[in-house]
PDB file of N, CA and C in Angstrom:
ATOM      1  N   UNK A   1       1.337 -12.317  -6.300  1.00  0.00           N
ATOM      2  CA  UNK A   1       0.841 -11.415  -5.276  1.00  0.00           C
ATOM      3  C   UNK A   1      -0.649 -11.666  -5.096  1.00  0.00           C
ATOM      4  N   UNK A   2      -1.077 -11.726  -3.859  1.00  0.00           N
ATOM      5  CA  UNK A   2      -2.466 -11.967  -3.506  1.00  0.00           C
ATOM      6  C   UNK A   2      -3.108 -10.640  -3.108  1.00  0.00           C
ATOM      7  N   UNK A   3      -4.173 -10.225  -3.801  1.00  0.00           N
ATOM      8  CA  UNK A   3      -4.844  -8.967  -3.478  1.00  0.00           C
ATOM      9  C   UNK A   3      -6.268  -9.256  -3.023  1.00  0.00           C
ATOM     10  N   UNK A   4      -6.624  -8.719  -1.858  1.00  0.00           N
ATOM     11  CA  UNK A   4      -7.943  -8.920  -1.275  1.00  0.00           C
ATOM     12  C   UNK A   4      -8.576  -7.552  -1.052  1.00  0.00           C
ATOM     13  N   UNK A   5      -9.738  -7.306  -1.652  1.00  0.00           N
ATOM     14  CA  UNK A   5     -10.437  -6.028  -1.496  1.00  0.00           C
ATOM     15  C   UNK A   5     -11.797  -6.314  -0.886  1.00  0.00           C
ATOM     16  N   UNK A   6     -12.075  -5.677   0.256  1.00  0.00           N
ATOM     17  CA  UNK A   6     -13.368  -5.879   0.908  1.00  0.00           C
ATOM     18  C   UNK A   6     -13.966  -4.543   1.300  1.00  0.00           C
ATOM     19  N   UNK A   7     -15.259  -4.529   1.543  1.00  0.00           N
ATOM     20  CA  UNK A   7     -15.952  -3.308   1.914  1.00  0.00           C
ATOM     21  C   UNK A   7     -16.753  -3.488   3.185  1.00  0.00           C
ATOM     22  N   UNK A   8     -16.764  -2.482   4.034  1.00  0.00           N
ATOM     23  CA  UNK A   8     -17.586  -2.457   5.241  1.00  0.00           C
ATOM     24  C   UNK A   8     -18.671  -1.415   5.032  1.00  0.00           C
ATOM     25  N   UNK A   9     -19.921  -1.843   5.110  1.00  0.00           N
ATOM     26  CA  UNK A   9     -21.076  -0.967   4.873  1.00  0.00           C
ATOM     27  C   UNK A   9     -21.027  -0.404   3.454  1.00  0.00           C
ATOM     28  N   UNK A  10     -20.490  -1.191   2.538  1.00  0.00           N
ATOM     29  CA  UNK A  10     -20.275  -0.733   1.166  1.00  0.00           C
ATOM     30  C   UNK A  10     -20.115  -1.957   0.273  1.00  0.00           C
ATOM     31  N   UNK A  11     -20.760  -1.920  -0.881  1.00  0.00           N
ATOM     32  CA  UNK A  11     -20.585  -2.993  -1.849  1.00  0.00           C
ATOM     33  C   UNK A  11     -19.440  -2.614  -2.776  1.00  0.00           C
ATOM     34  N   UNK A  12     -18.478  -3.517  -2.921  1.00  0.00           N
ATOM     35  CA  UNK A  12     -17.332  -3.263  -3.787  1.00  0.00           C
ATOM     36  C   UNK A  12     -17.742  -3.638  -5.212  1.00  0.00           C
ATOM     37  N   UNK A  13     -17.984  -2.619  -6.019  1.00  0.00           N
ATOM     38  CA  UNK A  13     -18.401  -2.831  -7.402  1.00  0.00           C
ATOM     39  C   UNK A  13     -17.181  -3.139  -8.269  1.00  0.00           C
ATOM     40  N   UNK A  14     -17.392  -3.711  -9.443  1.00  0.00           N
ATOM     41  CA  UNK A  14     -16.253  -3.959 -10.336  1.00  0.00           C
ATOM     42  C   UNK A  14     -15.492  -2.678 -10.702  1.00  0.00           C
ATOM     43  N   UNK A  15     -16.197  -1.544 -10.810  1.00  0.00           N
ATOM     44  CA  UNK A  15     -15.524  -0.283 -11.130  1.00  0.00           C
ATOM     45  C   UNK A  15     -14.597   0.140  -9.995  1.00  0.00           C
ATOM     46  N   UNK A  16     -15.060   0.023  -8.761  1.00  0.00           N
ATOM     47  CA  UNK A  16     -14.229   0.368  -7.606  1.00  0.00           C
ATOM     48  C   UNK A  16     -13.048  -0.588  -7.523  1.00  0.00           C
ATOM     49  N   UNK A  17     -13.296  -1.880  -7.732  1.00  0.00           N
ATOM     50  CA  UNK A  17     -12.232  -2.887  -7.675  1.00  0.00           C
ATOM     51  C   UNK A  17     -11.143  -2.587  -8.725  1.00  0.00           C
ATOM     52  N   UNK A  18     -11.564  -2.266  -9.946  1.00  0.00           N
ATOM     53  CA  UNK A  18     -10.597  -1.943 -11.002  1.00  0.00           C
ATOM     54  C   UNK A  18      -9.805  -0.685 -10.672  1.00  0.00           C
ATOM     55  N   UNK A  19     -10.481   0.320 -10.099  1.00  0.00           N
ATOM     56  CA  UNK A  19      -9.817   1.577  -9.745  1.00  0.00           C
ATOM     57  C   UNK A  19      -8.742   1.332  -8.677  1.00  0.00           C
ATOM     58  N   UNK A  20      -9.094   0.559  -7.653  1.00  0.00           N
ATOM     59  CA  UNK A  20      -8.142   0.252  -6.583  1.00  0.00           C
ATOM     60  C   UNK A  20      -6.963  -0.532  -7.144  1.00  0.00           C
ATOM     61  N   UNK A  21      -7.232  -1.537  -7.968  1.00  0.00           N
ATOM     62  CA  UNK A  21      -6.152  -2.341  -8.534  1.00  0.00           C
ATOM     63  C   UNK A  21      -5.221  -1.495  -9.401  1.00  0.00           C
ATOM     64  N   UNK A  22      -5.786  -0.589 -10.193  1.00  0.00           N
ATOM     65  CA  UNK A  22      -4.956   0.270 -11.038  1.00  0.00           C
ATOM     66  C   UNK A  22      -4.065   1.182 -10.197  1.00  0.00           C
ATOM     67  N   UNK A  23      -4.626   1.779  -9.142  1.00  0.00           N
ATOM     68  CA  UNK A  23      -3.845   2.676  -8.281  1.00  0.00           C
ATOM     69  C   UNK A  23      -2.738   1.913  -7.551  1.00  0.00           C
ATOM     70  N   UNK A  24      -3.059   0.730  -7.041  1.00  0.00           N
ATOM     71  CA  UNK A  24      -2.058  -0.023  -6.287  1.00  0.00           C
ATOM     72  C   UNK A  24      -1.001  -0.630  -7.196  1.00  0.00           C
ATOM     73  N   UNK A  25      -1.362  -0.990  -8.428  1.00  0.00           N
ATOM     74  CA  UNK A  25      -0.362  -1.492  -9.363  1.00  0.00           C
ATOM     75  C   UNK A  25       0.717  -0.451  -9.631  1.00  0.00           C
ATOM     76  N   UNK A  26       0.301   0.801  -9.762  1.00  0.00           N
ATOM     77  CA  UNK A  26       1.239   1.899  -9.997  1.00  0.00           C
ATOM     78  C   UNK A  26       2.225   2.000  -8.835  1.00  0.00           C
ATOM     79  N   UNK A  27       1.732   1.841  -7.620  1.00  0.00           N
ATOM     80  CA  UNK A  27       2.584   1.942  -6.434  1.00  0.00           C
ATOM     81  C   UNK A  27       3.484   0.719  -6.298  1.00  0.00           C
ATOM     82  N   UNK A  28       2.924  -0.458  -6.499  1.00  0.00           N
ATOM     83  CA  UNK A  28       3.666  -1.686  -6.246  1.00  0.00           C
ATOM     84  C   UNK A  28       4.665  -2.017  -7.345  1.00  0.00           C
ATOM     85  N   UNK A  29       4.660  -1.241  -8.417  1.00  0.00           N
ATOM     86  CA  UNK A  29       5.666  -1.395  -9.460  1.00  0.00           C
ATOM     87  C   UNK A  29       7.064  -1.096  -8.920  1.00  0.00           C
ATOM     88  N   UNK A  30       7.142  -0.261  -7.887  1.00  0.00           N
ATOM     89  CA  UNK A  30       8.429   0.137  -7.310  1.00  0.00           C
ATOM     90  C   UNK A  30       9.102  -0.995  -6.553  1.00  0.00           C
ATOM     91  N   UNK A  31       8.319  -1.969  -6.107  1.00  0.00           N
ATOM     92  CA  UNK A  31       8.846  -2.951  -5.166  1.00  0.00           C
ATOM     93  C   UNK A  31       8.385  -4.343  -5.581  1.00  0.00           C
ATOM     94  N   UNK A  32       9.325  -5.275  -5.735  1.00  0.00           N
ATOM     95  CA  UNK A  32       9.012  -6.607  -6.242  1.00  0.00           C
ATOM     96  C   UNK A  32       8.573  -7.593  -5.166  1.00  0.00           C
ATOM     97  N   UNK A  33       8.954  -7.368  -3.943  1.00  0.00           N
ATOM     98  CA  UNK A  33       8.820  -8.380  -2.897  1.00  0.00           C
ATOM     99  C   UNK A  33       7.491  -8.334  -2.147  1.00  0.00           C
ATOM    100  N   UNK A  34       6.414  -7.934  -2.796  1.00  0.00           N
ATOM    101  CA  UNK A  34       5.104  -7.874  -2.151  1.00  0.00           C
ATOM    102  C   UNK A  34       4.466  -9.252  -2.230  1.00  0.00           C
ATOM    103  N   UNK A  35       4.055  -9.788  -1.074  1.00  0.00           N
ATOM    104  CA  UNK A  35       3.432 -11.110  -1.057  1.00  0.00           C
ATOM    105  C   UNK A  35       1.915 -11.025  -1.024  1.00  0.00           C
ATOM    106  N   UNK A  36       1.364 -10.047  -0.289  1.00  0.00           N
ATOM    107  CA  UNK A  36      -0.094  -9.931  -0.182  1.00  0.00           C
ATOM    108  C   UNK A  36      -0.488  -8.481   0.063  1.00  0.00           C
ATOM    109  N   UNK A  37      -1.686  -8.128  -0.410  1.00  0.00           N
ATOM    110  CA  UNK A  37      -2.236  -6.793  -0.205  1.00  0.00           C
ATOM    111  C   UNK A  37      -3.680  -6.963   0.251  1.00  0.00           C
ATOM    112  N   UNK A  38      -4.029  -6.319   1.371  1.00  0.00           N
ATOM    113  CA  UNK A  38      -5.397  -6.361   1.882  1.00  0.00           C
ATOM    114  C   UNK A  38      -5.937  -4.931   1.918  1.00  0.00           C
ATOM    115  N   UNK A  39      -7.033  -4.701   1.203  1.00  0.00           N
ATOM    116  CA  UNK A  39      -7.639  -3.376   1.128  1.00  0.00           C
ATOM    117  C   UNK A  39      -9.020  -3.452   1.770  1.00  0.00           C
ATOM    118  N   UNK A  40      -9.321  -2.478   2.637  1.00  0.00           N
ATOM    119  CA  UNK A  40     -10.638  -2.379   3.257  1.00  0.00           C
ATOM    120  C   UNK A  40     -11.193  -0.994   2.956  1.00  0.00           C
ATOM    121  N   UNK A  41     -12.341  -0.951   2.317  1.00  0.00           N
ATOM    122  CA  UNK A  41     -13.039   0.296   2.020  1.00  0.00           C
ATOM    123  C   UNK A  41     -14.257   0.353   2.916  1.00  0.00           C
ATOM    124  N   UNK A  42     -14.469   1.498   3.580  1.00  0.00           N
ATOM    125  CA  UNK A  42     -15.604   1.592   4.493  1.00  0.00           C
ATOM    126  C   UNK A  42     -16.252   2.965   4.434  1.00  0.00           C
ATOM    127  N   UNK A  43     -17.498   2.990   4.853  1.00  0.00           N
ATOM    128  CA  UNK A  43     -18.271   4.230   4.907  1.00  0.00           C
ATOM    129  C   UNK A  43     -18.673   4.453   6.363  1.00  0.00           C
ATOM    130  N   UNK A  44     -18.342   5.636   6.888  1.00  0.00           N
ATOM    131  CA  UNK A  44     -18.705   6.014   8.256  1.00  0.00           C
ATOM    132  C   UNK A  44     -19.376   7.379   8.201  1.00  0.00           C
ATOM    133  N   UNK A  45     -20.683   7.394   8.237  1.00  0.00           N
ATOM    134  CA  UNK A  45     -21.489   8.609   8.106  1.00  0.00           C
ATOM    135  C   UNK A  45     -21.074   9.403   6.872  1.00  0.00           C
ATOM    136  N   UNK A  46     -20.419  10.536   7.020  1.00  0.00           N
ATOM    137  CA  UNK A  46     -20.051  11.353   5.868  1.00  0.00           C
ATOM    138  C   UNK A  46     -18.624  11.121   5.402  1.00  0.00           C
ATOM    139  N   UNK A  47     -17.897  10.232   6.052  1.00  0.00           N
ATOM    140  CA  UNK A  47     -16.492   9.987   5.714  1.00  0.00           C
ATOM    141  C   UNK A  47     -16.347   8.666   4.973  1.00  0.00           C
ATOM    142  N   UNK A  48     -15.590   8.682   3.910  1.00  0.00           N
ATOM    143  CA  UNK A  48     -15.236   7.471   3.169  1.00  0.00           C
ATOM    144  C   UNK A  48     -13.802   7.131   3.562  1.00  0.00           C
ATOM    145  N   UNK A  49     -13.569   5.908   3.962  1.00  0.00           N
ATOM    146  CA  UNK A  49     -12.258   5.529   4.478  1.00  0.00           C
ATOM    147  C   UNK A  49     -11.687   4.367   3.662  1.00  0.00           C
ATOM    148  N   UNK A  50     -10.408   4.456   3.368  1.00  0.00           N
ATOM    149  CA  UNK A  50      -9.704   3.387   2.666  1.00  0.00           C
ATOM    150  C   UNK A  50      -8.468   3.008   3.474  1.00  0.00           C
ATOM    151  N   UNK A  51      -8.283   1.710   3.693  1.00  0.00           N
ATOM    152  CA  UNK A  51      -7.136   1.202   4.434  1.00  0.00           C
ATOM    153  C   UNK A  51      -6.461   0.128   3.594  1.00  0.00           C
ATOM    154  N   UNK A  52      -5.157   0.033   3.699  1.00  0.00           N
ATOM    155  CA  UNK A  52      -4.424  -1.020   3.000  1.00  0.00           C
ATOM    156  C   UNK A  52      -3.298  -1.523   3.895  1.00  0.00           C
ATOM    157  N   UNK A  53      -3.098  -2.833   3.863  1.00  0.00           N
ATOM    158  CA  UNK A  53      -1.955  -3.453   4.511  1.00  0.00           C
ATOM    159  C   UNK A  53      -1.197  -4.210   3.437  1.00  0.00           C
ATOM    160  N   UNK A  54       0.049  -3.850   3.244  1.00  0.00           N
ATOM    161  CA  UNK A  54       0.899  -4.488   2.245  1.00  0.00           C
ATOM    162  C   UNK A  54       1.912  -5.347   2.986  1.00  0.00           C
ATOM    163  N   UNK A  55       1.914  -6.634   2.689  1.00  0.00           N
ATOM    164  CA  UNK A  55       2.852  -7.562   3.316  1.00  0.00           C
ATOM    165  C   UNK A  55       4.063  -7.719   2.397  1.00  0.00           C
ATOM    166  N   UNK A  56       5.207  -7.261   2.879  1.00  0.00           N
ATOM    167  CA  UNK A  56       6.461  -7.441   2.148  1.00  0.00           C
ATOM    168  C   UNK A  56       7.372  -8.299   3.018  1.00  0.00           C
ATOM    169  N   UNK A  57       8.415  -8.789   2.424  1.00  0.00           N
ATOM    170  CA  UNK A  57       9.319  -9.647   3.179  1.00  0.00           C
ATOM    171  C   UNK A  57       9.933  -8.865   4.338  1.00  0.00           C
ATOM    172  N   UNK A  58       9.631  -9.289   5.553  1.00  0.00           N
ATOM    173  CA  UNK A  58      10.223  -8.667   6.724  1.00  0.00           C
ATOM    174  C   UNK A  58       9.422  -7.530   7.335  1.00  0.00           C
ATOM    175  N   UNK A  59       8.315  -7.104   6.706  1.00  0.00           N
ATOM    176  CA  UNK A  59       7.576  -5.966   7.253  1.00  0.00           C
ATOM    177  C   UNK A  59       6.162  -5.915   6.676  1.00  0.00           C
ATOM    178  N   UNK A  60       5.254  -5.351   7.457  1.00  0.00           N
ATOM    179  CA  UNK A  60       3.911  -5.041   6.985  1.00  0.00           C
ATOM    180  C   UNK A  60       3.772  -3.529   6.961  1.00  0.00           C
ATOM    181  N   UNK A  61       3.306  -2.990   5.841  1.00  0.00           N
ATOM    182  CA  UNK A  61       3.121  -1.549   5.700  1.00  0.00           C
ATOM    183  C   UNK A  61       1.628  -1.266   5.732  1.00  0.00           C
ATOM    184  N   UNK A  62       1.190  -0.433   6.693  1.00  0.00           N
ATOM    185  CA  UNK A  62      -0.223  -0.093   6.845  1.00  0.00           C
ATOM    186  C   UNK A  62      -0.426   1.386   6.551  1.00  0.00           C
ATOM    187  N   UNK A  63      -1.452   1.684   5.747  1.00  0.00           N
ATOM    188  CA  UNK A  63      -1.769   3.063   5.393  1.00  0.00           C
ATOM    189  C   UNK A  63      -3.285   3.212   5.404  1.00  0.00           C
ATOM    190  N   UNK A  64      -3.757   4.373   5.877  1.00  0.00           N
ATOM    191  CA  UNK A  64      -5.184   4.668   5.786  1.00  0.00           C
ATOM    192  C   UNK A  64      -5.384   6.114   5.369  1.00  0.00           C
ATOM    193  N   UNK A  65      -6.521   6.365   4.708  1.00  0.00           N
ATOM    194  CA  UNK A  65      -6.852   7.713   4.261  1.00  0.00           C
ATOM    195  C   UNK A  65      -8.357   7.887   4.314  1.00  0.00           C
ATOM    196  N   UNK A  66      -8.793   9.115   4.630  1.00  0.00           N
ATOM    197  CA  UNK A  66     -10.215   9.433   4.715  1.00  0.00           C
ATOM    198  C   UNK A  66     -10.518  10.665   3.893  1.00  0.00           C
ATOM    199  N   UNK A  67     -11.706  10.685   3.307  1.00  0.00           N
ATOM    200  CA  UNK A  67     -12.158  11.835   2.545  1.00  0.00           C
ATOM    201  C   UNK A  67     -13.668  11.751   2.424  1.00  0.00           C
ATOM    202  N   UNK A  68     -14.268  12.803   1.882  1.00  0.00           N
ATOM    203  CA  UNK A  68     -15.708  12.780   1.671  1.00  0.00           C
ATOM    204  C   UNK A  68     -16.074  11.957   0.440  1.00  0.00           C
ATOM    205  N   UNK A  69     -15.115  11.754  -0.453  1.00  0.00           N
ATOM    206  CA  UNK A  69     -15.321  11.002  -1.679  1.00  0.00           C
ATOM    207  C   UNK A  69     -14.458   9.746  -1.625  1.00  0.00           C
ATOM    208  N   UNK A  70     -15.023   8.591  -1.967  1.00  0.00           N
ATOM    209  CA  UNK A  70     -14.283   7.337  -1.894  1.00  0.00           C
ATOM    210  C   UNK A  70     -13.090   7.326  -2.850  1.00  0.00           C
ATOM    211  N   UNK A  71     -13.281   7.838  -4.054  1.00  0.00           N
ATOM    212  CA  UNK A  71     -12.189   7.852  -5.031  1.00  0.00           C
ATOM    213  C   UNK A  71     -11.054   8.774  -4.572  1.00  0.00           C
ATOM    214  N   UNK A  72     -11.390   9.874  -3.926  1.00  0.00           N
ATOM    215  CA  UNK A  72     -10.357  10.776  -3.401  1.00  0.00           C
ATOM    216  C   UNK A  72      -9.583  10.102  -2.267  1.00  0.00           C
ATOM    217  N   UNK A  73     -10.281   9.337  -1.435  1.00  0.00           N
ATOM    218  CA  UNK A  73      -9.578   8.642  -0.353  1.00  0.00           C
ATOM    219  C   UNK A  73      -8.665   7.549  -0.916  1.00  0.00           C
ATOM    220  N   UNK A  74      -9.083   6.898  -2.007  1.00  0.00           N
ATOM    221  CA  UNK A  74      -8.227   5.890  -2.641  1.00  0.00           C
ATOM    222  C   UNK A  74      -6.989   6.554  -3.247  1.00  0.00           C
ATOM    223  N   UNK A  75      -7.170   7.733  -3.857  1.00  0.00           N
ATOM    224  CA  UNK A  75      -6.029   8.475  -4.407  1.00  0.00           C
ATOM    225  C   UNK A  75      -5.041   8.857  -3.307  1.00  0.00           C
ATOM    226  N   UNK A  76      -5.561   9.387  -2.200  1.00  0.00           N
ATOM    227  CA  UNK A  76      -4.696   9.770  -1.079  1.00  0.00           C
ATOM    228  C   UNK A  76      -3.986   8.549  -0.511  1.00  0.00           C
ATOM    229  N   UNK A  77      -4.692   7.439  -0.436  1.00  0.00           N
ATOM    230  CA  UNK A  77      -4.116   6.193   0.050  1.00  0.00           C
ATOM    231  C   UNK A  77      -2.951   5.753  -0.843  1.00  0.00           C
ATOM    232  N   UNK A  78      -3.138   5.830  -2.149  1.00  0.00           N
ATOM    233  CA  UNK A  78      -2.085   5.428  -3.086  1.00  0.00           C
ATOM    234  C   UNK A  78      -0.855   6.323  -2.948  1.00  0.00           C
ATOM    235  N   UNK A  79      -1.074   7.632  -2.756  1.00  0.00           N
ATOM    236  CA  UNK A  79       0.056   8.549  -2.587  1.00  0.00           C
ATOM    237  C   UNK A  79       0.833   8.251  -1.312  1.00  0.00           C
ATOM    238  N   UNK A  80       0.116   8.034  -0.205  1.00  0.00           N
ATOM    239  CA  UNK A  80       0.777   7.719   1.067  1.00  0.00           C
ATOM    240  C   UNK A  80       1.528   6.393   0.970  1.00  0.00           C
ATOM    241  N   UNK A  81       0.890   5.403   0.352  1.00  0.00           N
ATOM    242  CA  UNK A  81       1.519   4.097   0.225  1.00  0.00           C
ATOM    243  C   UNK A  81       2.776   4.181  -0.638  1.00  0.00           C
ATOM    244  N   UNK A  82       2.718   4.970  -1.687  1.00  0.00           N
ATOM    245  CA  UNK A  82       3.874   5.155  -2.561  1.00  0.00           C
ATOM    246  C   UNK A  82       5.058   5.695  -1.769  1.00  0.00           C
ATOM    247  N   UNK A  83       4.815   6.712  -0.938  1.00  0.00           N
ATOM    248  CA  UNK A  83       5.897   7.284  -0.126  1.00  0.00           C
ATOM    249  C   UNK A  83       6.460   6.245   0.847  1.00  0.00           C
ATOM    250  N   UNK A  84       5.583   5.468   1.486  1.00  0.00           N
ATOM    251  CA  UNK A  84       6.071   4.498   2.462  1.00  0.00           C
ATOM    252  C   UNK A  84       6.835   3.350   1.802  1.00  0.00           C
ATOM    253  N   UNK A  85       6.370   2.906   0.635  1.00  0.00           N
ATOM    254  CA  UNK A  85       7.064   1.828  -0.063  1.00  0.00           C
ATOM    255  C   UNK A  85       8.448   2.291  -0.510  1.00  0.00           C
ATOM    256  N   UNK A  86       8.546   3.518  -1.042  1.00  0.00           N
ATOM    257  CA  UNK A  86       9.851   4.043  -1.446  1.00  0.00           C
ATOM    258  C   UNK A  86      10.783   4.201  -0.246  1.00  0.00           C
ATOM    259  N   UNK A  87      10.237   4.644   0.882  1.00  0.00           N
ATOM    260  CA  UNK A  87      11.029   4.794   2.105  1.00  0.00           C
ATOM    261  C   UNK A  87      11.555   3.427   2.565  1.00  0.00           C
ATOM    262  N   UNK A  88      10.690   2.423   2.531  1.00  0.00           N
ATOM    263  CA  UNK A  88      11.102   1.073   2.926  1.00  0.00           C
ATOM    264  C   UNK A  88      12.176   0.533   1.979  1.00  0.00           C
ATOM    265  N   UNK A  89      12.011   0.795   0.692  1.00  0.00           N
ATOM    266  CA  UNK A  89      12.977   0.340  -0.307  1.00  0.00           C
ATOM    267  C   UNK A  89      14.339   0.998  -0.084  1.00  0.00           C
ATOM    268  N   UNK A  90      14.334   2.302   0.219  1.00  0.00           N
ATOM    269  CA  UNK A  90      15.593   3.011   0.491  1.00  0.00           C
ATOM    270  C   UNK A  90      16.276   2.458   1.737  1.00  0.00           C
ATOM    271  N   UNK A  91      15.502   2.170   2.777  1.00  0.00           N
ATOM    272  CA  UNK A  91      16.089   1.616   3.995  1.00  0.00           C
ATOM    273  C   UNK A  91      16.727   0.266   3.716  1.00  0.00           C
ATOM    274  N   UNK A  92      16.066  -0.555   2.928  1.00  0.00           N
ATOM    275  CA  UNK A  92      16.619  -1.864   2.581  1.00  0.00           C
ATOM    276  C   UNK A  92      17.926  -1.701   1.802  1.00  0.00           C
ATOM    277  N   UNK A  93      17.938  -0.743   0.869  1.00  0.00           N
ATOM    278  CA  UNK A  93      19.127  -0.523   0.047  1.00  0.00           C
ATOM    279  C   UNK A  93      20.283  -0.003   0.902  1.00  0.00           C
ATOM    280  N   UNK A  94      19.997   0.938   1.817  1.00  0.00           N
ATOM    281  CA  UNK A  94      21.039   1.462   2.706  1.00  0.00           C
ATOM    282  C   UNK A  94      21.604   0.363   3.593  1.00  0.00           C
ATOM    283  N   UNK A  95      20.726  -0.488   4.089  1.00  0.00           N
ATOM    284  CA  UNK A  95      21.156  -1.575   4.959  1.00  0.00           C
ATOM    285  C   UNK A  95      22.066  -2.539   4.198  1.00  0.00           C
ATOM    286  N   UNK A  96      21.748  -2.796   2.941  1.00  0.00           N
ATOM    287  CA  UNK A  96      22.578  -3.687   2.130  1.00  0.00           C
ATOM    288  C   UNK A  96      23.953  -3.070   1.882  1.00  0.00           C
ATOM    289  N   UNK A  97      24.003  -1.752   1.640  1.00  0.00           N
ATOM    290  CA  UNK A  97      25.290  -1.084   1.425  1.00  0.00           C
ATOM    291  C   UNK A  97      26.138  -1.102   2.697  1.00  0.00           C
ATOM    292  N   UNK A  98      25.499  -0.910   3.854  1.00  0.00           N
ATOM    293  CA  UNK A  98      26.237  -0.950   5.114  1.00  0.00           C
ATOM    294  C   UNK A  98      26.805  -2.342   5.363  1.00  0.00           C
ATOM    295  N   UNK A  99      26.041  -3.373   5.012  1.00  0.00           N
ATOM    296  CA  UNK A  99      26.522  -4.739   5.205  1.00  0.00           C
ATOM    297  C   UNK A  99      27.727  -5.023   4.310  1.00  0.00           C
ATOM    298  N   UNK A 100      27.692  -4.499   3.087  1.00  0.00           N
ATOM    299  CA  UNK A 100      28.822  -4.686   2.179  1.00  0.00           C
ATOM    300  C   UNK A 100      30.063  -3.943   2.674  1.00  0.00           C
ATOM    301  N   UNK A 101      29.871  -2.723   3.192  1.00  0.00           N
ATOM    302  CA  UNK A 101      31.006  -1.965   3.729  1.00  0.00           C
ATOM    303  C   UNK A 101      31.614  -2.686   4.929  1.00  0.00           C
ATOM    304  N   UNK A 102      30.753  -3.191   5.789  1.00  0.00           N
ATOM    305  CA  UNK A 102      31.218  -3.896   6.987  1.00  0.00           C
ATOM    306  C   UNK A 102      31.965  -5.169   6.592  1.00  0.00           C
ATOM    307  N   UNK A 103      31.472  -5.846   5.583  1.00  0.00           N
ATOM    308  CA  UNK A 103      32.106  -7.079   5.119  1.00  0.00           C
ATOM    309  C   UNK A 103      33.463  -6.780   4.485  1.00  0.00           C
ATOM    310  N   UNK A 104      33.587  -5.660   3.806  1.00  0.00           N
ATOM    311  CA  UNK A 104      34.833  -5.304   3.142  1.00  0.00           C
ATOM    312  C   UNK A 104      35.916  -4.929   4.163  1.00  0.00           C
ATOM    313  N   UNK A 105      35.552  -4.377   5.319  1.00  0.00           N
ATOM    314  CA  UNK A 105      36.540  -3.961   6.314  1.00  0.00           C
ATOM    315  C   UNK A 105      37.045  -5.128   7.151  1.00  0.00           C
ATOM    316  N   UNK A 106      36.361  -6.240   7.123  1.00  0.00           N
ATOM    317  CA  UNK A 106      36.803  -7.379   7.940  1.00  0.00           C
ATOM    318  C   UNK A 106      37.936  -8.144   7.338  1.00  0.00           C
TER     319      UNK A 106
END
């Protein structure tokens, strides 16, 4: 898996990089087929914004979160991403079961 972390109007320190990697590792444990992850951290006046694009086979999952604190926005981002990854995984599993049912009736 290729992980790219960049900052806009913000220097990505090793502490921030480690925090992001730890949060995303927890989320990406649910799903094996992740090929690349692109994280953008930015500062816009009083808002700290975190965005992530996760490339999985057949789909790109995009999530963004904003907060007054960068670490809080990263936490919110990880929670949203976790929900979307689980939703995508369930859809894939349902689709596979439907294909098996359809194959069995033929």
